[in-house]
Amino acid sequence: MADLSHGWGGNSQWRTGFRRDYRLADRLVYNADAALDPTPPHPGGPDPSTDVDLLRYRCSTLVDHGDDQWVWDSHHVEPTAPTVTPPE
């Protein structure tokens, strides 16, 4: 994955949209704003699990997916692990 703001001039990073992730009580939300304006997946695009890994970690983890992965318009929601409170 590549940062879209690099190589486009001195003020380009200020014009790049922000990605907002949230940790809520029961779920993790990655790239929340993309859910408000969904785009259909590209035909012949990557396996959806590839998008999830790139959204979650913001980079390739086990396999080098190269620089051409486009997950800027994708979003993902997953449940959080239950929190166990130790007994008093």
C-alpha atoms as a PDB file:
ATOM      1  CA  MET A   1       0.000   0.000   0.000  1.00  0.00           C
ATOM      2  CA  ALA A   2       1.238   3.501  -0.722  1.00  0.00           C
ATOM      3  CA  ASP A   3       0.392   6.814   0.914  1.00  0.00           C
ATOM      4  CA  LEU A   4      -1.580   8.738  -1.704  1.00  0.00           C
ATOM      5  CA  SER A   5      -0.283  12.086  -0.445  1.00  0.00           C
ATOM      6  CA  HIS A   6       3.390  11.447  -1.240  1.00  0.00           C
ATOM      7  CA  GLY A   7       4.827  13.069  -4.349  1.00  0.00           C
ATOM      8  CA  TRP A   8       2.007  15.548  -4.928  1.00  0.00           C
ATOM      9  CA  GLY A   9       3.483  18.783  -3.592  1.00  0.00           C
ATOM     10  CA  GLY A  10       4.078  20.556  -0.313  1.00  0.00           C
ATOM     11  CA  ASN A  11       0.498  20.801   0.924  1.00  0.00           C
ATOM     12  CA  SER A  12      -0.788  17.489  -0.399  1.00  0.00           C
ATOM     13  CA  GLN A  13      -0.873  15.723   2.959  1.00  0.00           C
ATOM     14  CA  TRP A  14      -3.347  18.297   4.242  1.00  0.00           C
ATOM     15  CA  ARG A  15      -5.672  17.498   1.351  1.00  0.00           C
ATOM     16  CA  THR A  16      -5.586  13.747   1.843  1.00  0.00           C
ATOM     17  CA  GLY A  17      -8.704  12.436   3.542  1.00  0.00           C
ATOM     18  CA  PHE A  18      -8.338  11.149   7.075  1.00  0.00           C
ATOM     19  CA  ARG A  19      -9.098   7.576   7.926  1.00  0.00           C
ATOM     20  CA  ARG A  20     -11.084   7.145  11.128  1.00  0.00           C
ATOM     21  CA  ASP A  21     -10.979   3.891  13.091  1.00  0.00           C
ATOM     22  CA  TYR A  22     -12.948   3.339  16.289  1.00  0.00           C
ATOM     23  CA  ARG A  23     -12.819   0.942  19.207  1.00  0.00           C
ATOM     24  CA  LEU A  24     -16.321   0.692  20.630  1.00  0.00           C
ATOM     25  CA  ALA A  25     -17.478  -1.392  23.574  1.00  0.00           C
ATOM     26  CA  ASP A  26     -18.495  -4.338  21.392  1.00  0.00           C
ATOM     27  CA  ARG A  27     -16.680  -3.867  18.065  1.00  0.00           C
ATOM     28  CA  LEU A  28     -13.740  -2.432  16.141  1.00  0.00           C
ATOM     29  CA  VAL A  29     -14.573  -0.238  13.148  1.00  0.00           C
ATOM     30  CA  TYR A  30     -11.930   0.319  10.476  1.00  0.00           C
ATOM     31  CA  ASN A  31     -12.235   3.254   8.032  1.00  0.00           C
ATOM     32  CA  ALA A  32     -15.675   4.223   9.338  1.00  0.00           C
ATOM     33  CA  ASP A  33     -16.346   6.945   6.756  1.00  0.00           C
ATOM     34  CA  ALA A  34     -16.137   4.473   3.859  1.00  0.00           C
ATOM     35  CA  ALA A  35     -19.237   2.745   5.262  1.00  0.00           C
ATOM     36  CA  LEU A  36     -21.195   5.969   4.716  1.00  0.00           C
ATOM     37  CA  ASP A  37     -20.375   6.048   0.996  1.00  0.00           C
ATOM     38  CA  PRO A  38     -19.896   2.410  -0.084  1.00  0.00           C
ATOM     39  CA  THR A  39     -18.415   1.577  -3.472  1.00  0.00           C
ATOM     40  CA  PRO A  40     -18.851  -1.777  -5.207  1.00  0.00           C
ATOM     41  CA  PRO A  41     -15.774  -4.053  -5.274  1.00  0.00           C
ATOM     42  CA  HIS A  42     -13.750  -4.151  -8.471  1.00  0.00           C
ATOM     43  CA  PRO A  43     -14.432  -7.254 -10.601  1.00  0.00           C
ATOM     44  CA  GLY A  44     -11.472  -9.605 -10.354  1.00  0.00           C
ATOM     45  CA  GLY A  45     -10.182  -7.655  -7.357  1.00  0.00           C
ATOM     46  CA  PRO A  46      -8.383  -9.119  -4.370  1.00  0.00           C
ATOM     47  CA  ASP A  47      -9.844 -11.657  -1.993  1.00  0.00           C
ATOM     48  CA  PRO A  48     -11.921  -9.827   0.661  1.00  0.00           C
ATOM     49  CA  SER A  49      -9.667 -11.257   3.393  1.00  0.00           C
ATOM     50  CA  THR A  50      -6.773  -9.335   1.798  1.00  0.00           C
ATOM     51  CA  ASP A  51      -8.726  -6.101   2.188  1.00  0.00           C
ATOM     52  CA  VAL A  52      -9.442  -6.925   5.841  1.00  0.00           C
ATOM     53  CA  ASP A  53      -5.751  -7.498   6.598  1.00  0.00           C
ATOM     54  CA  LEU A  54      -4.737  -4.281   4.840  1.00  0.00           C
ATOM     55  CA  LEU A  55      -7.461  -2.331   6.638  1.00  0.00           C
ATOM     56  CA  ARG A  56      -6.595  -3.812  10.012  1.00  0.00           C
ATOM     57  CA  TYR A  57      -2.796  -3.523   9.877  1.00  0.00           C
ATOM     58  CA  ARG A  58      -2.407  -0.855   7.131  1.00  0.00           C
ATOM     59  CA  CYS A  59       0.264  -2.989   5.463  1.00  0.00           C
ATOM     60  CA  SER A  60       0.892  -6.470   4.081  1.00  0.00           C
ATOM     61  CA  THR A  61       1.652  -8.841   6.936  1.00  0.00           C
ATOM     62  CA  LEU A  62       2.272 -12.398   5.729  1.00  0.00           C
ATOM     63  CA  VAL A  63       2.272 -11.903   1.955  1.00  0.00           C
ATOM     64  CA  ASP A  64       3.647  -8.944  -0.004  1.00  0.00           C
ATOM     65  CA  HIS A  65       0.592  -7.612  -1.827  1.00  0.00           C
ATOM     66  CA  GLY A  66       2.624  -4.914  -3.587  1.00  0.00           C
ATOM     67  CA  ASP A  67       1.746  -1.246  -3.940  1.00  0.00           C
ATOM     68  CA  ASP A  68      -1.368  -1.663  -6.085  1.00  0.00           C
ATOM     69  CA  GLN A  69      -3.877  -2.691  -3.422  1.00  0.00           C
ATOM     70  CA  TRP A  70      -6.668  -0.138  -3.201  1.00  0.00           C
ATOM     71  CA  VAL A  71      -8.470  -0.364   0.144  1.00  0.00           C
ATOM     72  CA  TRP A  72      -9.106   3.360   0.622  1.00  0.00           C
ATOM     73  CA  ASP A  73     -12.822   2.897  -0.103  1.00  0.00           C
ATOM     74  CA  SER A  74     -13.212  -0.271   1.992  1.00  0.00           C
ATOM     75  CA  HIS A  75     -14.376  -0.624   5.569  1.00  0.00           C
ATOM     76  CA  HIS A  76     -14.569  -3.471   8.054  1.00  0.00           C
ATOM     77  CA  VAL A  77     -16.246  -4.120  11.404  1.00  0.00           C
ATOM     78  CA  GLU A  78     -15.276  -6.943  13.749  1.00  0.00           C
ATOM     79  CA  PRO A  79     -16.351  -7.874  17.277  1.00  0.00           C
ATOM     80  CA  THR A  80     -14.021  -7.193  20.169  1.00  0.00           C
ATOM     81  CA  ALA A  81     -12.958  -9.955  22.498  1.00  0.00           C
ATOM     82  CA  PRO A  82     -15.055 -10.025  25.644  1.00  0.00           C
ATOM     83  CA  THR A  83     -13.407  -8.282  28.558  1.00  0.00           C
ATOM     84  CA  VAL A  84     -13.103 -10.444  31.632  1.00  0.00           C
ATOM     85  CA  THR A  85     -13.221  -8.631  34.943  1.00  0.00           C
ATOM     86  CA  PRO A  86     -11.264 -10.454  37.642  1.00  0.00           C
ATOM     87  CA  PRO A  87     -13.278 -11.361  40.734  1.00  0.00           C
ATOM     88  CA  GLU A  88     -12.729  -9.208  43.789  1.00  0.00           C
END
